[in-house]
Amino acid sequence: MKESRLRSILKAVTWRLIATGTTFTLAYLVFSNSDCEDVMEKSTIVAGLELMIKLVIYYLHERAWQMAPTGSIRRFFGIKQESQ
C-alpha cells in the first residue's frame, strides 16, 4: 500500500525536527569548544540550512521509493520472495 503525500510530508517534518535538533546540539558543542564567537547564531544558521535542504531531499527520496512498484527491489537484486 502506498502512503499519501500528506503522510510523507508529516514524516519528513517530524524526522527533520528530531534530526535538526541533533545537528544544532552538535554544532553548538563544536563551536563552543573552539572559542568561536556567536556560538548560538552560527549553530542556528547551520541547523536552519540543514533543516531546509534535508527536508526537501527526504521528501523527494520518500516519493521516489513510493514510485517503485512493490517487489521491484527484490526482483532487481534477484531475491526470492517467501510465500505467505
Protein backbone atom coordinates (compact mmCIF):
# COMPACT_ATOMS: atom_id res chain seq x y z
CA MET A 1 0.00 0.00 0.00
CA LYS A 2 1.36 3.42 -0.95
CA GLU A 3 1.46 6.28 1.53
CA SER A 4 -0.28 9.56 0.85
CA ARG A 5 1.69 12.71 0.08
CA LEU A 6 0.44 14.24 3.36
CA ARG A 7 1.78 11.28 5.37
CA SER A 8 5.14 11.59 3.58
CA ILE A 9 5.23 15.30 4.40
CA LEU A 10 4.36 14.72 8.07
CA LYS A 11 7.02 12.00 8.37
CA ALA A 12 9.57 14.32 6.77
CA VAL A 13 8.70 17.21 9.10
CA THR A 14 8.79 15.19 12.31
CA TRP A 15 12.04 13.47 11.35
CA ARG A 16 13.63 16.81 10.38
CA LEU A 17 12.71 18.32 13.76
CA ILE A 18 14.49 15.47 15.53
CA ALA A 19 17.49 15.48 13.19
CA THR A 20 17.82 19.28 13.17
CA GLY A 21 17.76 19.37 16.96
CA THR A 22 20.62 16.88 16.91
CA THR A 23 22.52 18.95 14.33
CA PHE A 24 22.03 22.15 16.36
CA THR A 25 23.33 20.44 19.50
CA LEU A 26 26.34 19.05 17.67
CA ALA A 27 27.12 22.42 16.03
CA TYR A 28 26.74 24.17 19.39
CA LEU A 29 29.17 21.76 21.05
CA VAL A 30 31.71 22.10 18.22
CA PHE A 31 31.51 25.91 18.10
CA SER A 32 31.54 26.34 21.89
CA ASN A 33 34.65 24.17 22.22
CA SER A 34 36.55 26.14 19.56
CA ASP A 35 36.49 29.63 21.15
CA CYS A 36 34.16 30.72 18.33
CA GLU A 37 32.24 33.97 18.65
CA ASP A 38 28.43 33.96 18.24
CA VAL A 39 28.05 30.25 19.03
CA MET A 40 24.23 30.39 19.13
CA GLU A 41 24.00 32.34 15.88
CA LYS A 42 26.32 30.03 13.97
CA SER A 43 24.67 26.90 15.39
CA THR A 44 21.26 28.26 14.38
CA ILE A 45 22.46 29.01 10.83
CA VAL A 46 23.91 25.50 10.43
CA ALA A 47 20.74 23.87 11.80
CA GLY A 48 18.45 26.11 9.70
CA LEU A 49 20.24 25.36 6.44
CA GLU A 50 20.36 21.66 7.27
CA LEU A 51 16.63 21.69 8.05
CA MET A 52 15.58 23.25 4.75
CA ILE A 53 17.91 21.28 2.50
CA LYS A 54 17.37 17.87 4.07
CA LEU A 55 13.59 18.29 4.37
CA VAL A 56 13.35 18.62 0.60
CA ILE A 57 15.83 15.78 0.00
CA TYR A 58 13.95 13.45 2.38
CA TYR A 59 10.58 14.20 0.76
CA LEU A 60 11.96 13.53 -2.73
CA HIS A 61 13.59 10.32 -1.51
CA GLU A 62 10.33 9.17 0.11
CA ARG A 63 8.32 9.88 -3.04
CA ALA A 64 10.89 8.11 -5.24
CA TRP A 65 10.51 4.98 -3.12
CA GLN A 66 6.73 5.23 -3.42
CA MET A 67 7.09 5.15 -7.22
CA ALA A 68 8.97 1.84 -7.12
CA PRO A 69 6.48 -0.98 -7.74
CA THR A 70 6.12 -3.46 -4.89
CA GLY A 71 8.62 -6.27 -5.27
CA SER A 72 10.75 -4.45 -7.85
CA ILE A 73 13.70 -4.09 -5.48
CA ARG A 74 13.65 -7.82 -4.69
CA ARG A 75 13.47 -8.64 -8.40
CA PHE A 76 16.35 -6.25 -9.20
CA PHE A 77 18.60 -7.99 -6.67
CA GLY A 78 17.32 -11.46 -7.53
CA ILE A 79 15.86 -12.08 -4.06
CA LYS A 80 13.10 -14.63 -3.97
CA GLN A 81 10.04 -13.60 -2.03
CA GLU A 82 8.86 -16.08 0.57
CA SER A 83 5.29 -17.29 0.18
CA GLN A 84 2.92 -16.04 2.87
